[in-house]
């Protein structure tokens, strides 16, 4: 009982329920093979952080900091 309202329960037909089709879209769109468009977040991430591996799958060389440079400037 939910508050003062009665709820009527009906018996379940398990066999019919097992065979029943579930809600589906009827139009069967073919999945696209194109990757999704890059978002602004994707572009900013690539601009700020760059690739993790180079084109050959290796680790790109990081620029070595110049010890004579002042890092605060």
PDB file of N, CA and C in Angstrom:
ATOM      1  N   UNK A   1       0.841  -1.179   0.000  1.00  0.00           N
ATOM      2  CA  UNK A   1       0.000   0.000   0.000  1.00  0.00           C
ATOM      3  C   UNK A   1       0.888   1.244   0.000  1.00  0.00           C
ATOM      4  N   UNK A   2       0.557   2.158  -0.842  1.00  0.00           N
ATOM      5  CA  UNK A   2       1.322   3.392  -0.983  1.00  0.00           C
ATOM      6  C   UNK A   2       0.467   4.531  -0.434  1.00  0.00           C
ATOM      7  N   UNK A   3       0.719   4.917   0.790  1.00  0.00           N
ATOM      8  CA  UNK A   3      -0.125   5.933   1.408  1.00  0.00           C
ATOM      9  C   UNK A   3      -1.510   5.358   1.636  1.00  0.00           C
ATOM     10  N   UNK A   4      -2.553   6.060   1.206  1.00  0.00           N
ATOM     11  CA  UNK A   4      -3.923   5.587   1.347  1.00  0.00           C
ATOM     12  C   UNK A   4      -4.457   4.990   0.058  1.00  0.00           C
ATOM     13  N   UNK A   5      -3.616   4.845  -0.952  1.00  0.00           N
ATOM     14  CA  UNK A   5      -4.064   4.372  -2.250  1.00  0.00           C
ATOM     15  C   UNK A   5      -3.704   2.899  -2.418  1.00  0.00           C
ATOM     16  N   UNK A   6      -4.640   2.111  -2.868  1.00  0.00           N
ATOM     17  CA  UNK A   6      -4.390   0.700  -3.113  1.00  0.00           C
ATOM     18  C   UNK A   6      -3.870   0.517  -4.534  1.00  0.00           C
ATOM     19  N   UNK A   7      -2.981  -0.438  -4.687  1.00  0.00           N
ATOM     20  CA  UNK A   7      -2.423  -0.746  -5.998  1.00  0.00           C
ATOM     21  C   UNK A   7      -2.830  -2.165  -6.343  1.00  0.00           C
ATOM     22  N   UNK A   8      -3.423  -2.352  -7.526  1.00  0.00           N
ATOM     23  CA  UNK A   8      -3.855  -3.681  -7.939  1.00  0.00           C
ATOM     24  C   UNK A   8      -2.724  -4.368  -8.699  1.00  0.00           C
ATOM     25  N   UNK A   9      -2.343  -5.548  -8.260  1.00  0.00           N
ATOM     26  CA  UNK A   9      -1.307  -6.328  -8.903  1.00  0.00           C
ATOM     27  C   UNK A   9      -1.941  -7.409  -9.747  1.00  0.00           C
ATOM     28  N   UNK A  10      -1.364  -7.655 -10.920  1.00  0.00           N
ATOM     29  CA  UNK A  10      -1.858  -8.685 -11.812  1.00  0.00           C
ATOM     30  C   UNK A  10      -0.807  -9.778 -11.919  1.00  0.00           C
ATOM     31  N   UNK A  11      -1.248 -11.022 -12.106  1.00  0.00           N
ATOM     32  CA  UNK A  11      -0.262 -12.091 -12.259  1.00  0.00           C
ATOM     33  C   UNK A  11       0.535 -11.901 -13.561  1.00  0.00           C
ATOM     34  N   UNK A  12       1.781 -12.346 -13.547  1.00  0.00           N
ATOM     35  CA  UNK A  12       2.669 -12.190 -14.690  1.00  0.00           C
ATOM     36  C   UNK A  12       2.691 -13.483 -15.485  1.00  0.00           C
ATOM     37  N   UNK A  13       2.557 -13.366 -16.809  1.00  0.00           N
ATOM     38  CA  UNK A  13       2.697 -14.522 -17.689  1.00  0.00           C
ATOM     39  C   UNK A  13       4.175 -14.603 -18.055  1.00  0.00           C
ATOM     40  N   UNK A  14       4.929 -15.474 -17.371  1.00  0.00           N
ATOM     41  CA  UNK A  14       6.371 -15.524 -17.540  1.00  0.00           C
ATOM     42  C   UNK A  14       6.780 -15.931 -18.953  1.00  0.00           C
ATOM     43  N   UNK A  15       6.037 -16.855 -19.570  1.00  0.00           N
ATOM     44  CA  UNK A  15       6.378 -17.305 -20.920  1.00  0.00           C
ATOM     45  C   UNK A  15       6.186 -16.172 -21.931  1.00  0.00           C
ATOM     46  N   UNK A  16       5.098 -15.472 -21.842  1.00  0.00           N
ATOM     47  CA  UNK A  16       4.850 -14.354 -22.759  1.00  0.00           C
ATOM     48  C   UNK A  16       5.849 -13.224 -22.507  1.00  0.00           C
ATOM     49  N   UNK A  17       6.183 -13.004 -21.253  1.00  0.00           N
ATOM     50  CA  UNK A  17       7.134 -11.949 -20.916  1.00  0.00           C
ATOM     51  C   UNK A  17       8.519 -12.284 -21.468  1.00  0.00           C
ATOM     52  N   UNK A  18       8.902 -13.554 -21.445  1.00  0.00           N
ATOM     53  CA  UNK A  18      10.210 -13.956 -21.941  1.00  0.00           C
ATOM     54  C   UNK A  18      10.313 -13.797 -23.458  1.00  0.00           C
ATOM     55  N   UNK A  19       9.219 -13.984 -24.180  1.00  0.00           N
ATOM     56  CA  UNK A  19       9.238 -13.886 -25.646  1.00  0.00           C
ATOM     57  C   UNK A  19       8.914 -12.494 -26.158  1.00  0.00           C
ATOM     58  N   UNK A  20       8.382 -11.658 -25.318  1.00  0.00           N
ATOM     59  CA  UNK A  20       7.926 -10.340 -25.746  1.00  0.00           C
ATOM     60  C   UNK A  20       9.102  -9.483 -26.202  1.00  0.00           C
ATOM     61  N   UNK A  21       8.885  -8.746 -27.287  1.00  0.00           N
ATOM     62  CA  UNK A  21       9.916  -7.835 -27.778  1.00  0.00           C
ATOM     63  C   UNK A  21       9.987  -6.628 -26.870  1.00  0.00           C
ATOM     64  N   UNK A  22      11.161  -6.162 -26.629  1.00  0.00           N
ATOM     65  CA  UNK A  22      11.356  -4.966 -25.816  1.00  0.00           C
ATOM     66  C   UNK A  22      11.306  -3.743 -26.730  1.00  0.00           C
ATOM     67  N   UNK A  23      11.132  -2.604 -26.114  1.00  0.00           N
ATOM     68  CA  UNK A  23      11.042  -1.367 -26.889  1.00  0.00           C
ATOM     69  C   UNK A  23      12.353  -1.136 -27.623  1.00  0.00           C
ATOM     70  N   UNK A  24      12.274  -0.980 -28.927  1.00  0.00           N
ATOM     71  CA  UNK A  24      13.436  -0.727 -29.773  1.00  0.00           C
ATOM     72  C   UNK A  24      13.057   0.296 -30.831  1.00  0.00           C
ATOM     73  N   UNK A  25      14.067   0.960 -31.308  1.00  0.00           N
ATOM     74  CA  UNK A  25      13.824   1.845 -32.443  1.00  0.00           C
ATOM     75  C   UNK A  25      13.606   0.980 -33.668  1.00  0.00           C
ATOM     76  N   UNK A  26      12.663   1.325 -34.465  1.00  0.00           N
ATOM     77  CA  UNK A  26      12.353   0.536 -35.657  1.00  0.00           C
ATOM     78  C   UNK A  26      13.272   0.858 -36.824  1.00  0.00           C
ATOM     79  N   UNK A  27      13.772   2.101 -36.896  1.00  0.00           N
ATOM     80  CA  UNK A  27      14.663   2.431 -37.997  1.00  0.00           C
ATOM     81  C   UNK A  27      16.064   1.945 -37.640  1.00  0.00           C
ATOM     82  N   UNK A  28      16.609   1.100 -38.461  1.00  0.00           N
ATOM     83  CA  UNK A  28      17.908   0.507 -38.200  1.00  0.00           C
ATOM     84  C   UNK A  28      18.982   1.315 -38.916  1.00  0.00           C
ATOM     85  N   UNK A  29      19.519   2.298 -38.198  1.00  0.00           N
ATOM     86  CA  UNK A  29      20.578   3.114 -38.776  1.00  0.00           C
ATOM     87  C   UNK A  29      21.863   2.299 -38.826  1.00  0.00           C
ATOM     88  N   UNK A  30      22.525   2.386 -39.953  1.00  0.00           N
ATOM     89  CA  UNK A  30      23.801   1.704 -40.093  1.00  0.00           C
ATOM     90  C   UNK A  30      24.842   2.458 -39.268  1.00  0.00           C
ATOM     91  N   UNK A  31      25.648   1.759 -38.508  1.00  0.00           N
ATOM     92  CA  UNK A  31      26.679   2.469 -37.749  1.00  0.00           C
ATOM     93  C   UNK A  31      27.708   3.076 -38.701  1.00  0.00           C
ATOM     94  N   UNK A  32      28.126   4.270 -38.389  1.00  0.00           N
ATOM     95  CA  UNK A  32      29.097   4.946 -39.244  1.00  0.00           C
ATOM     96  C   UNK A  32      30.494   4.489 -38.870  1.00  0.00           C
ATOM     97  N   UNK A  33      31.364   4.453 -39.841  1.00  0.00           N
ATOM     98  CA  UNK A  33      32.726   4.033 -39.578  1.00  0.00           C
ATOM     99  C   UNK A  33      33.641   5.240 -39.357  1.00  0.00           C
ATOM    100  N   UNK A  34      33.088   6.428 -39.475  1.00  0.00           N
ATOM    101  CA  UNK A  34      33.883   7.629 -39.247  1.00  0.00           C
ATOM    102  C   UNK A  34      34.046   7.875 -37.755  1.00  0.00           C
ATOM    103  N   UNK A  35      35.208   8.343 -37.331  1.00  0.00           N
ATOM    104  CA  UNK A  35      35.361   8.701 -35.922  1.00  0.00           C
ATOM    105  C   UNK A  35      34.564   9.968 -35.629  1.00  0.00           C
ATOM    106  N   UNK A  36      34.182  10.181 -34.388  1.00  0.00           N
ATOM    107  CA  UNK A  36      33.425  11.390 -34.070  1.00  0.00           C
ATOM    108  C   UNK A  36      34.281  12.638 -34.283  1.00  0.00           C
ATOM    109  N   UNK A  37      33.620  13.749 -34.539  1.00  0.00           N
ATOM    110  CA  UNK A  37      34.331  15.009 -34.766  1.00  0.00           C
ATOM    111  C   UNK A  37      35.053  15.420 -33.489  1.00  0.00           C
ATOM    112  N   UNK A  38      36.195  16.081 -33.654  1.00  0.00           N
ATOM    113  CA  UNK A  38      36.948  16.531 -32.488  1.00  0.00           C
ATOM    114  C   UNK A  38      36.248  17.719 -31.848  1.00  0.00           C
ATOM    115  N   UNK A  39      36.137  17.659 -30.545  1.00  0.00           N
ATOM    116  CA  UNK A  39      35.503  18.746 -29.806  1.00  0.00           C
ATOM    117  C   UNK A  39      36.545  19.787 -29.430  1.00  0.00           C
ATOM    118  N   UNK A  40      36.097  20.897 -28.909  1.00  0.00           N
ATOM    119  CA  UNK A  40      37.019  21.933 -28.454  1.00  0.00           C
ATOM    120  C   UNK A  40      37.926  21.405 -27.349  1.00  0.00           C
ATOM    121  N   UNK A  41      37.388  20.545 -26.501  1.00  0.00           N
ATOM    122  CA  UNK A  41      38.201  19.966 -25.429  1.00  0.00           C
ATOM    123  C   UNK A  41      39.296  19.066 -26.010  1.00  0.00           C
ATOM    124  N   UNK A  42      38.967  18.290 -27.040  1.00  0.00           N
ATOM    125  CA  UNK A  42      39.973  17.446 -27.697  1.00  0.00           C
ATOM    126  C   UNK A  42      41.098  18.297 -28.286  1.00  0.00           C
ATOM    127  N   UNK A  43      40.717  19.359 -28.981  1.00  0.00           N
ATOM    128  CA  UNK A  43      41.712  20.218 -29.617  1.00  0.00           C
ATOM    129  C   UNK A  43      42.601  20.898 -28.574  1.00  0.00           C
ATOM    130  N   UNK A  44      42.007  21.372 -27.473  1.00  0.00           N
ATOM    131  CA  UNK A  44      42.786  22.025 -26.423  1.00  0.00           C
ATOM    132  C   UNK A  44      43.730  21.033 -25.756  1.00  0.00           C
ATOM    133  N   UNK A  45      43.264  19.808 -25.534  1.00  0.00           N
ATOM    134  CA  UNK A  45      44.105  18.784 -24.923  1.00  0.00           C
ATOM    135  C   UNK A  45      45.311  18.491 -25.812  1.00  0.00           C
ATOM    136  N   UNK A  46      45.074  18.303 -27.100  1.00  0.00           N
ATOM    137  CA  UNK A  46      46.168  18.024 -28.021  1.00  0.00           C
ATOM    138  C   UNK A  46      47.135  19.205 -28.129  1.00  0.00           C
ATOM    139  N   UNK A  47      46.597  20.422 -28.105  1.00  0.00           N
ATOM    140  CA  UNK A  47      47.450  21.605 -28.192  1.00  0.00           C
ATOM    141  C   UNK A  47      48.312  21.741 -26.935  1.00  0.00           C
ATOM    142  N   UNK A  48      47.720  21.545 -25.771  1.00  0.00           N
ATOM    143  CA  UNK A  48      48.442  21.755 -24.515  1.00  0.00           C
ATOM    144  C   UNK A  48      49.392  20.617 -24.166  1.00  0.00           C
ATOM    145  N   UNK A  49      48.995  19.383 -24.424  1.00  0.00           N
ATOM    146  CA  UNK A  49      49.787  18.255 -23.958  1.00  0.00           C
ATOM    147  C   UNK A  49      50.531  17.525 -25.053  1.00  0.00           C
ATOM    148  N   UNK A  50      50.059  17.605 -26.266  1.00  0.00           N
ATOM    149  CA  UNK A  50      50.735  16.945 -27.367  1.00  0.00           C
ATOM    150  C   UNK A  50      50.609  15.432 -27.304  1.00  0.00           C
ATOM    151  N   UNK A  51      51.186  14.750 -28.280  1.00  0.00           N
ATOM    152  CA  UNK A  51      51.067  13.296 -28.327  1.00  0.00           C
ATOM    153  C   UNK A  51      51.940  12.622 -27.269  1.00  0.00           C
ATOM    154  N   UNK A  52      51.523  11.470 -26.828  1.00  0.00           N
ATOM    155  CA  UNK A  52      52.286  10.691 -25.852  1.00  0.00           C
ATOM    156  C   UNK A  52      53.339   9.860 -26.565  1.00  0.00           C
ATOM    157  N   UNK A  53      53.025   9.372 -27.759  1.00  0.00           N
ATOM    158  CA  UNK A  53      53.976   8.591 -28.552  1.00  0.00           C
ATOM    159  C   UNK A  53      54.150   9.272 -29.903  1.00  0.00           C
ATOM    160  N   UNK A  54      55.299   8.996 -30.536  1.00  0.00           N
ATOM    161  CA  UNK A  54      55.523   9.583 -31.858  1.00  0.00           C
ATOM    162  C   UNK A  54      54.891   8.700 -32.932  1.00  0.00           C
ATOM    163  N   UNK A  55      55.089   9.053 -34.184  1.00  0.00           N
ATOM    164  CA  UNK A  55      54.441   8.343 -35.288  1.00  0.00           C
ATOM    165  C   UNK A  55      54.863   6.877 -35.366  1.00  0.00           C
ATOM    166  N   UNK A  56      56.086   6.554 -34.899  1.00  0.00           N
ATOM    167  CA  UNK A  56      56.566   5.170 -34.939  1.00  0.00           C
ATOM    168  C   UNK A  56      56.167   4.376 -33.701  1.00  0.00           C
ATOM    169  N   UNK A  57      55.479   5.008 -32.751  1.00  0.00           N
ATOM    170  CA  UNK A  57      55.074   4.320 -31.531  1.00  0.00           C
ATOM    171  C   UNK A  57      56.063   4.450 -30.395  1.00  0.00           C
ATOM    172  N   UNK A  58      57.149   5.173 -30.626  1.00  0.00           N
ATOM    173  CA  UNK A  58      58.150   5.378 -29.579  1.00  0.00           C
ATOM    174  C   UNK A  58      57.832   6.613 -28.763  1.00  0.00           C
ATOM    175  N   UNK A  59      58.675   6.888 -27.796  1.00  0.00           N
ATOM    176  CA  UNK A  59      58.496   8.062 -26.947  1.00  0.00           C
ATOM    177  C   UNK A  59      59.232   9.237 -27.571  1.00  0.00           C
ATOM    178  N   UNK A  60      58.538  10.351 -27.815  1.00  0.00           N
ATOM    179  CA  UNK A  60      59.218  11.504 -28.407  1.00  0.00           C
ATOM    180  C   UNK A  60      60.216  12.098 -27.416  1.00  0.00           C
ATOM    181  N   UNK A  61      61.296  12.666 -27.957  1.00  0.00           N
ATOM    182  CA  UNK A  61      62.288  13.300 -27.096  1.00  0.00           C
ATOM    183  C   UNK A  61      61.721  14.586 -26.534  1.00  0.00           C
ATOM    184  N   UNK A  62      61.895  14.755 -25.240  1.00  0.00           N
ATOM    185  CA  UNK A  62      61.452  15.981 -24.588  1.00  0.00           C
ATOM    186  C   UNK A  62      62.583  16.991 -24.652  1.00  0.00           C
ATOM    187  N   UNK A  63      62.260  18.250 -24.790  1.00  0.00           N
ATOM    188  CA  UNK A  63      63.322  19.252 -24.800  1.00  0.00           C
ATOM    189  C   UNK A  63      63.969  19.321 -23.411  1.00  0.00           C
ATOM    190  N   UNK A  64      65.289  19.332 -23.404  1.00  0.00           N
ATOM    191  CA  UNK A  64      65.999  19.426 -22.127  1.00  0.00           C
ATOM    192  C   UNK A  64      66.056  20.883 -21.714  1.00  0.00           C
ATOM    193  N   UNK A  65      65.735  21.174 -20.459  1.00  0.00           N
ATOM    194  CA  UNK A  65      65.789  22.573 -20.026  1.00  0.00           C
ATOM    195  C   UNK A  65      67.237  23.084 -20.009  1.00  0.00           C
ATOM    196  N   UNK A  66      67.389  24.317 -20.378  1.00  0.00           N
ATOM    197  CA  UNK A  66      68.712  24.933 -20.381  1.00  0.00           C
ATOM    198  C   UNK A  66      69.053  25.327 -18.947  1.00  0.00           C
ATOM    199  N   UNK A  67      70.119  24.751 -18.371  1.00  0.00           N
ATOM    200  CA  UNK A  67      70.441  25.045 -16.965  1.00  0.00           C
ATOM    201  C   UNK A  67      70.868  26.504 -16.746  1.00  0.00           C
ATOM    202  N   UNK A  68      71.233  27.204 -17.817  1.00  0.00           N
ATOM    203  CA  UNK A  68      71.643  28.608 -17.644  1.00  0.00           C
ATOM    204  C   UNK A  68      70.444  29.540 -17.655  1.00  0.00           C
ATOM    205  N   UNK A  69      69.273  29.052 -18.049  1.00  0.00           N
ATOM    206  CA  UNK A  69      68.078  29.893 -18.084  1.00  0.00           C
ATOM    207  C   UNK A  69      67.450  29.991 -16.714  1.00  0.00           C
ATOM    208  N   UNK A  70      66.870  31.135 -16.430  1.00  0.00           N
ATOM    209  CA  UNK A  70      66.144  31.330 -15.173  1.00  0.00           C
ATOM    210  C   UNK A  70      64.725  30.834 -15.376  1.00  0.00           C
ATOM    211  N   UNK A  71      64.261  29.780 -14.633  1.00  0.00           N
ATOM    212  CA  UNK A  71      62.925  29.231 -14.865  1.00  0.00           C
ATOM    213  C   UNK A  71      61.788  30.140 -14.432  1.00  0.00           C
ATOM    214  N   UNK A  72      62.073  31.193 -13.704  1.00  0.00           N
ATOM    215  CA  UNK A  72      61.003  32.082 -13.215  1.00  0.00           C
ATOM    216  C   UNK A  72      60.625  33.141 -14.231  1.00  0.00           C
ATOM    217  N   UNK A  73      61.379  33.263 -15.318  1.00  0.00           N
ATOM    218  CA  UNK A  73      61.058  34.321 -16.286  1.00  0.00           C
ATOM    219  C   UNK A  73      60.226  33.788 -17.404  1.00  0.00           C
TER     220      UNK A  73
END
